[in-house]
Amino acid sequence: MPIITVEKPLKDKLGDEGVDSLIRLLNQSQQNQKQDLMVYLEEKYEHRLGKEIGNVNERITEEIGKVNERLTEEIGKVNERLTEEIGKVNERLTEEIGKVNERLTEEIGKVNERITKEIADVKVEISNVRSDASKNHANLIKWMFIFWMGQVIALVGILFAFFK
């Protein structure tokens, strides 16, 4: 707080009590001015601070909106890329499954052909076995007949020798 000095002619006219009263009045007026100035500055600062906070809030809201838009765009792009990649994978899988099905069909056809051939070969072998069996059967019957005839002739010879 500045020191106020009163000059001698004024001091002589007002006297010591008047000078002291004048100084108190000036000090009080200065104190009131300081308080008023502080209140005014506080209000002005609060008003400016409120504006700045409002501006910052608006900028934050704008930036959040921009970020949301960019995120939405990027998510859309990622979804599109994922859809494309999934489509490509599905196409490749379909192609591979088709190739596997074709190979399986070919292999099944080859196996069926081999089975048919083997069945035909088995039928031929069975036919050969039956033919051989029938030949052996006829041969067996012939030899049985020859054996029976030998037995009959031997028995007739024994009977002739016995009755004679």
Protein backbone atom coordinates (compact mmCIF):
# COMPACT_ATOMS: atom_id res chain seq x y z
CA MET A 1 0.00 0.00 0.00
CA PRO A 2 1.48 3.35 -1.03
CA ILE A 3 2.23 5.94 1.61
CA ILE A 4 0.31 9.16 1.21
CA THR A 5 1.95 12.36 2.24
CA VAL A 6 0.02 15.57 2.74
CA GLU A 7 1.76 18.82 1.93
CA LYS A 8 2.23 21.47 4.58
CA PRO A 9 -0.29 24.11 3.33
CA LEU A 10 -3.08 21.52 3.24
CA LYS A 11 -1.99 20.16 6.60
CA ASP A 12 -2.11 23.64 8.08
CA LYS A 13 -5.63 24.27 6.83
CA LEU A 14 -7.07 20.86 7.75
CA GLY A 15 -5.19 20.26 10.90
CA ASP A 16 -3.83 16.94 12.15
CA GLU A 17 -7.23 15.35 12.63
CA GLY A 18 -8.44 16.51 9.24
CA VAL A 19 -5.31 15.15 7.53
CA ASP A 20 -5.72 11.81 9.31
CA SER A 21 -9.37 11.70 8.29
CA LEU A 22 -8.46 12.60 4.73
CA ILE A 23 -5.81 9.86 4.61
CA ARG A 24 -8.27 7.31 6.05
CA LEU A 25 -10.82 8.40 3.49
CA LEU A 26 -8.34 8.05 0.64
CA ASN A 27 -7.11 4.67 1.95
CA GLN A 28 -10.68 3.45 2.32
CA SER A 29 -11.53 4.71 -1.15
CA GLN A 30 -8.45 3.00 -2.53
CA GLN A 31 -9.35 -0.20 -0.67
CA ASN A 32 -12.90 -0.05 -2.09
CA GLN A 33 -11.51 0.54 -5.57
CA LYS A 34 -9.24 -2.50 -5.18
CA GLN A 35 -12.16 -4.65 -4.03
CA ASP A 36 -14.37 -3.40 -6.86
CA LEU A 37 -11.56 -3.96 -9.34
CA MET A 38 -10.98 -7.50 -7.99
CA VAL A 39 -14.72 -8.29 -8.21
CA TYR A 40 -14.82 -6.91 -11.75
CA LEU A 41 -11.69 -8.86 -12.76
CA GLU A 42 -13.03 -12.05 -11.15
CA GLU A 43 -16.32 -11.70 -13.01
CA LYS A 44 -14.53 -10.92 -16.24
CA TYR A 45 -12.17 -13.90 -15.69
CA GLU A 46 -15.08 -16.22 -14.85
CA HIS A 47 -16.96 -15.03 -17.93
CA ARG A 48 -13.90 -15.54 -20.15
CA LEU A 49 -13.14 -18.87 -18.51
CA GLY A 50 -16.75 -19.96 -19.09
CA LYS A 51 -16.46 -18.97 -22.75
CA GLU A 52 -13.17 -20.80 -23.14
CA ILE A 53 -14.57 -23.91 -21.43
CA GLY A 54 -17.59 -23.70 -23.77
CA ASN A 55 -15.26 -23.38 -26.76
CA VAL A 56 -13.15 -26.30 -25.54
CA ASN A 57 -16.31 -28.38 -25.01
CA GLU A 58 -17.48 -27.53 -28.53
CA ARG A 59 -14.08 -28.47 -29.98
CA ILE A 60 -14.05 -31.70 -27.99
CA THR A 61 -17.57 -32.50 -29.23
CA GLU A 62 -16.52 -31.74 -32.82
CA GLU A 63 -13.38 -33.85 -32.49
CA ILE A 64 -15.34 -36.71 -30.96
CA GLY A 65 -17.79 -36.46 -33.86
CA LYS A 66 -14.91 -36.54 -36.35
CA VAL A 67 -13.32 -39.48 -34.58
CA ASN A 68 -16.66 -41.29 -34.56
CA GLU A 69 -17.07 -40.63 -38.29
CA ARG A 70 -13.55 -41.89 -39.00
CA LEU A 71 -14.12 -44.93 -36.83
CA THR A 72 -17.38 -45.64 -38.63
CA GLU A 73 -15.63 -45.30 -41.99
CA GLU A 74 -12.74 -47.50 -40.94
CA ILE A 75 -15.08 -50.11 -39.48
CA GLY A 76 -17.04 -50.04 -42.74
CA LYS A 77 -13.82 -50.52 -44.73
CA VAL A 78 -12.73 -53.36 -42.46
CA ASN A 79 -16.16 -54.97 -42.81
CA GLU A 80 -15.94 -54.68 -46.59
CA ARG A 81 -12.45 -56.19 -46.62
CA LEU A 82 -13.56 -58.97 -44.31
CA THR A 83 -16.55 -59.67 -46.52
CA GLU A 84 -14.30 -59.78 -49.60
CA GLU A 85 -11.77 -62.04 -47.90
CA ILE A 86 -14.48 -64.34 -46.59
CA GLY A 87 -15.93 -64.49 -50.11
CA LYS A 88 -12.51 -65.38 -51.53
CA VAL A 89 -11.99 -68.04 -48.87
CA ASN A 90 -15.46 -69.45 -49.58
CA GLU A 91 -14.69 -69.57 -53.31
CA ARG A 92 -11.38 -71.32 -52.69
CA LEU A 93 -13.02 -73.76 -50.30
CA THR A 94 -15.76 -74.45 -52.83
CA GLU A 95 -13.13 -75.07 -55.53
CA GLU A 96 -11.10 -77.33 -53.26
CA ILE A 97 -14.19 -79.24 -52.17
CA GLY A 98 -15.16 -79.63 -55.84
CA LYS A 99 -11.67 -80.97 -56.65
CA VAL A 100 -11.81 -83.36 -53.72
CA ASN A 101 -15.28 -84.52 -54.79
CA GLU A 102 -14.02 -85.10 -58.34
CA ARG A 103 -11.03 -87.07 -57.08
CA LEU A 104 -13.25 -89.07 -54.76
CA THR A 105 -15.65 -89.79 -57.62
CA GLU A 106 -12.73 -90.91 -59.81
CA GLU A 107 -11.31 -93.08 -57.06
CA ILE A 108 -14.71 -94.60 -56.30
CA GLY A 109 -15.14 -95.29 -60.03
CA LYS A 110 -11.71 -96.97 -60.15
CA VAL A 111 -12.51 -99.03 -57.06
CA ASN A 112 -15.87 -100.03 -58.55
CA GLU A 113 -14.13 -101.06 -61.79
CA ARG A 114 -11.57 -103.12 -59.87
CA ILE A 115 -14.31 -104.73 -57.78
CA THR A 116 -16.30 -105.52 -60.94
CA LYS A 117 -13.17 -106.98 -62.56
CA GLU A 118 -12.36 -109.01 -59.46
CA ILE A 119 -15.94 -110.30 -59.29
CA ALA A 120 -15.71 -111.31 -62.96
CA ASP A 121 -12.37 -113.03 -62.30
CA VAL A 122 -13.85 -114.83 -59.28
CA LYS A 123 -16.83 -115.96 -61.41
CA VAL A 124 -14.42 -117.30 -64.06
CA GLU A 125 -12.45 -119.14 -61.39
CA ILE A 126 -15.65 -120.56 -59.92
CA SER A 127 -16.68 -121.68 -63.40
CA ASN A 128 -13.26 -123.30 -63.89
CA VAL A 129 -13.49 -125.01 -60.51
CA ARG A 130 -16.97 -126.29 -61.35
CA SER A 131 -15.73 -127.54 -64.74
CA ASP A 132 -12.78 -129.27 -63.11
CA ALA A 133 -15.05 -130.70 -60.43
CA SER A 134 -17.44 -132.04 -63.03
CA LYS A 135 -14.51 -133.61 -64.96
CA ASN A 136 -13.20 -135.09 -61.74
CA HIS A 137 -16.66 -136.32 -60.89
CA ALA A 138 -17.00 -138.06 -64.22
CA ASN A 139 -13.51 -139.50 -63.87
CA LEU A 140 -14.33 -140.63 -60.35
CA ILE A 141 -17.53 -142.33 -61.50
CA LYS A 142 -15.58 -144.08 -64.29
CA TRP A 143 -12.98 -145.40 -61.87
CA MET A 144 -15.67 -146.41 -59.39
CA PHE A 145 -17.40 -148.34 -62.16
CA ILE A 146 -14.12 -150.01 -63.10
CA PHE A 147 -13.49 -150.91 -59.45
CA TRP A 148 -17.02 -152.31 -59.06
CA MET A 149 -16.61 -154.33 -62.23
CA GLY A 150 -13.33 -155.70 -60.93
CA GLN A 151 -15.05 -156.60 -57.68
CA VAL A 152 -17.96 -158.23 -59.51
CA ILE A 153 -15.58 -160.21 -61.77
CA ALA A 154 -13.51 -161.30 -58.78
CA LEU A 155 -16.64 -162.31 -56.89
CA VAL A 156 -17.97 -164.26 -59.92
CA GLY A 157 -14.54 -165.93 -60.27
CA ILE A 158 -14.59 -166.94 -56.60
CA LEU A 159 -18.12 -168.21 -56.95
CA PHE A 160 -17.16 -170.30 -60.04
CA ALA A 161 -14.20 -171.70 -58.23
CA PHE A 162 -16.27 -172.46 -55.18
CA PHE A 163 -19.08 -174.20 -57.09
CA LYS A 164 -16.90 -176.27 -59.18
